[in-house]
Structures are given as structure tokens and as C-alpha cells.
Amino acid sequence: MSNETEWVKTWTTAPAEYDGFGTERIKIVGVTKNGGEMWEVRTPESHVAWQRGRYYSGSYVVILTADDLQDQKDFGLVVVL
């Protein structure tokens, strides 16, 4: 059994104060139409459900897959920096 952490990516507009359980901010991938920063974050797999729920609790944008992020970019809802 490996002790290596499995990470899951999420993209969100939530501020860092909403991060917990080892979630790490990777980079800003764009801005939303209303000027909010869209962050790529990574969370230990065992805490992903909690972390995403935390973002949802603040009514922040939460994108679950790279394909969904690309759709947001294609529709002009997220502008790439």
C-alpha cells in the first residue's frame, strides 16, 4: 500500500479562506465575466467531497473537470489570462 497522496483538481472562484484539509492553490487560470479569479486547486482525494461542498456552501463557482472548464472558456464565461 502506497502512502502517496492522490490529488483531485477542481476549479473555483472561492477565496482561499474556503480551502481546508490540505487543499492547495495551484494557479489562476482566468477570470469570470464579473471579474472573479478562477483558481485551479488540488485536494487530497479523501477530502474532495467536503472541499467541493465547502465551495458550494458559499455559492461560489465550482468546475469539476477540465472539459467543463474548457466549455466555460469557449462560451466566454471564463476569460483566459
C-alpha atoms as a PDB file:
ATOM      1  CA  MET A   1       0.000   0.000   0.000  1.00  0.00           C
ATOM      2  CA  SER A   2       1.348   3.400  -1.006  1.00  0.00           C
ATOM      3  CA  ASN A   3       1.379   6.405   1.301  1.00  0.00           C
ATOM      4  CA  GLU A   4       1.417   8.674  -1.725  1.00  0.00           C
ATOM      5  CA  THR A   5      -1.442  11.179  -1.755  1.00  0.00           C
ATOM      6  CA  GLU A   6      -3.847  11.038  -4.690  1.00  0.00           C
ATOM      7  CA  TRP A   7      -4.876  14.560  -5.728  1.00  0.00           C
ATOM      8  CA  VAL A   8      -8.032  15.748  -7.490  1.00  0.00           C
ATOM      9  CA  LYS A   9      -8.242  19.050  -9.357  1.00  0.00           C
ATOM     10  CA  THR A  10     -11.116  21.483  -9.028  1.00  0.00           C
ATOM     11  CA  TRP A  11     -11.527  24.994 -10.438  1.00  0.00           C
ATOM     12  CA  THR A  12     -13.261  27.590  -8.290  1.00  0.00           C
ATOM     13  CA  THR A  13     -13.859  31.266  -7.646  1.00  0.00           C
ATOM     14  CA  ALA A  14     -13.937  30.711  -3.883  1.00  0.00           C
ATOM     15  CA  PRO A  15     -11.410  32.637  -1.789  1.00  0.00           C
ATOM     16  CA  ALA A  16      -8.564  30.797  -0.065  1.00  0.00           C
ATOM     17  CA  GLU A  17     -10.408  31.089   3.251  1.00  0.00           C
ATOM     18  CA  TYR A  18     -12.700  28.326   1.977  1.00  0.00           C
ATOM     19  CA  ASP A  19      -9.814  25.870   1.477  1.00  0.00           C
ATOM     20  CA  GLY A  20      -9.247  23.121   4.026  1.00  0.00           C
ATOM     21  CA  PHE A  21      -7.941  19.597   4.576  1.00  0.00           C
ATOM     22  CA  GLY A  22      -4.742  20.073   2.587  1.00  0.00           C
ATOM     23  CA  THR A  23      -6.239  21.801  -0.444  1.00  0.00           C
ATOM     24  CA  GLU A  24      -3.570  23.706  -2.351  1.00  0.00           C
ATOM     25  CA  ARG A  25      -3.949  26.625  -4.742  1.00  0.00           C
ATOM     26  CA  ILE A  26      -2.071  25.909  -7.983  1.00  0.00           C
ATOM     27  CA  LYS A  27      -2.641  28.923 -10.229  1.00  0.00           C
ATOM     28  CA  ILE A  28      -5.158  31.424 -11.527  1.00  0.00           C
ATOM     29  CA  VAL A  29      -6.447  30.082 -14.854  1.00  0.00           C
ATOM     30  CA  GLY A  30      -8.662  33.011 -15.786  1.00  0.00           C
ATOM     31  CA  VAL A  31     -11.260  35.481 -14.637  1.00  0.00           C
ATOM     32  CA  THR A  32     -15.036  35.291 -14.752  1.00  0.00           C
ATOM     33  CA  LYS A  33     -17.185  37.792 -16.631  1.00  0.00           C
ATOM     34  CA  ASN A  34     -17.773  39.646 -13.362  1.00  0.00           C
ATOM     35  CA  GLY A  35     -14.035  39.853 -12.624  1.00  0.00           C
ATOM     36  CA  GLY A  36     -13.666  36.996 -10.140  1.00  0.00           C
ATOM     37  CA  GLU A  37     -10.456  34.972 -10.244  1.00  0.00           C
ATOM     38  CA  MET A  38     -10.819  31.353 -11.360  1.00  0.00           C
ATOM     39  CA  TRP A  39      -8.352  29.199  -9.434  1.00  0.00           C
ATOM     40  CA  GLU A  40      -7.091  25.710 -10.145  1.00  0.00           C
ATOM     41  CA  VAL A  41      -6.790  23.894  -6.832  1.00  0.00           C
ATOM     42  CA  ARG A  42      -5.871  20.371  -5.834  1.00  0.00           C
ATOM     43  CA  THR A  43      -7.313  18.469  -2.924  1.00  0.00           C
ATOM     44  CA  PRO A  44      -6.410  15.098  -1.410  1.00  0.00           C
ATOM     45  CA  GLU A  45      -8.852  12.582  -2.900  1.00  0.00           C
ATOM     46  CA  SER A  46     -10.184  11.628   0.531  1.00  0.00           C
ATOM     47  CA  HIS A  47     -11.399  15.209   1.135  1.00  0.00           C
ATOM     48  CA  VAL A  48     -12.746  16.222  -2.284  1.00  0.00           C
ATOM     49  CA  ALA A  49     -16.443  15.880  -1.424  1.00  0.00           C
ATOM     50  CA  TRP A  50     -16.047  18.003   1.698  1.00  0.00           C
ATOM     51  CA  GLN A  51     -13.970  20.627  -0.123  1.00  0.00           C
ATOM     52  CA  ARG A  52     -16.357  20.991  -3.038  1.00  0.00           C
ATOM     53  CA  GLY A  53     -19.274  21.187  -0.623  1.00  0.00           C
ATOM     54  CA  ARG A  54     -17.499  23.975   1.220  1.00  0.00           C
ATOM     55  CA  TYR A  55     -17.163  25.949  -2.010  1.00  0.00           C
ATOM     56  CA  TYR A  56     -20.814  25.303  -2.882  1.00  0.00           C
ATOM     57  CA  SER A  57     -21.861  26.490   0.596  1.00  0.00           C
ATOM     58  CA  GLY A  58     -20.601  29.964  -0.264  1.00  0.00           C
ATOM     59  CA  SER A  59     -22.343  29.928  -3.667  1.00  0.00           C
ATOM     60  CA  TYR A  60     -19.000  30.061  -5.479  1.00  0.00           C
ATOM     61  CA  VAL A  61     -18.427  28.674  -8.957  1.00  0.00           C
ATOM     62  CA  VAL A  62     -17.121  25.104  -8.838  1.00  0.00           C
ATOM     63  CA  ILE A  63     -15.936  23.362 -12.010  1.00  0.00           C
ATOM     64  CA  LEU A  64     -15.272  19.644 -11.699  1.00  0.00           C
ATOM     65  CA  THR A  65     -13.487  18.693 -14.923  1.00  0.00           C
ATOM     66  CA  ALA A  66     -11.027  20.197 -17.398  1.00  0.00           C
ATOM     67  CA  ASP A  67     -13.632  19.672 -20.144  1.00  0.00           C
ATOM     68  CA  ASP A  68     -16.172  21.739 -18.199  1.00  0.00           C
ATOM     69  CA  LEU A  69     -13.566  24.462 -17.700  1.00  0.00           C
ATOM     70  CA  GLN A  70     -12.923  24.494 -21.441  1.00  0.00           C
ATOM     71  CA  ASP A  71     -16.667  24.828 -22.076  1.00  0.00           C
ATOM     72  CA  GLN A  72     -16.748  27.855 -19.770  1.00  0.00           C
ATOM     73  CA  LYS A  73     -13.863  29.372 -21.747  1.00  0.00           C
ATOM     74  CA  ASP A  74     -15.482  28.573 -25.108  1.00  0.00           C
ATOM     75  CA  PHE A  75     -18.732  30.278 -24.039  1.00  0.00           C
ATOM     76  CA  GLY A  76     -16.794  33.320 -22.820  1.00  0.00           C
ATOM     77  CA  LEU A  77     -17.797  32.822 -19.179  1.00  0.00           C
ATOM     78  CA  VAL A  78     -14.153  32.462 -18.139  1.00  0.00           C
ATOM     79  CA  VAL A  79     -11.523  34.576 -19.827  1.00  0.00           C
ATOM     80  CA  VAL A  80      -8.046  33.071 -20.024  1.00  0.00           C
ATOM     81  CA  LEU A  81      -5.257  35.222 -18.640  1.00  0.00           C
END
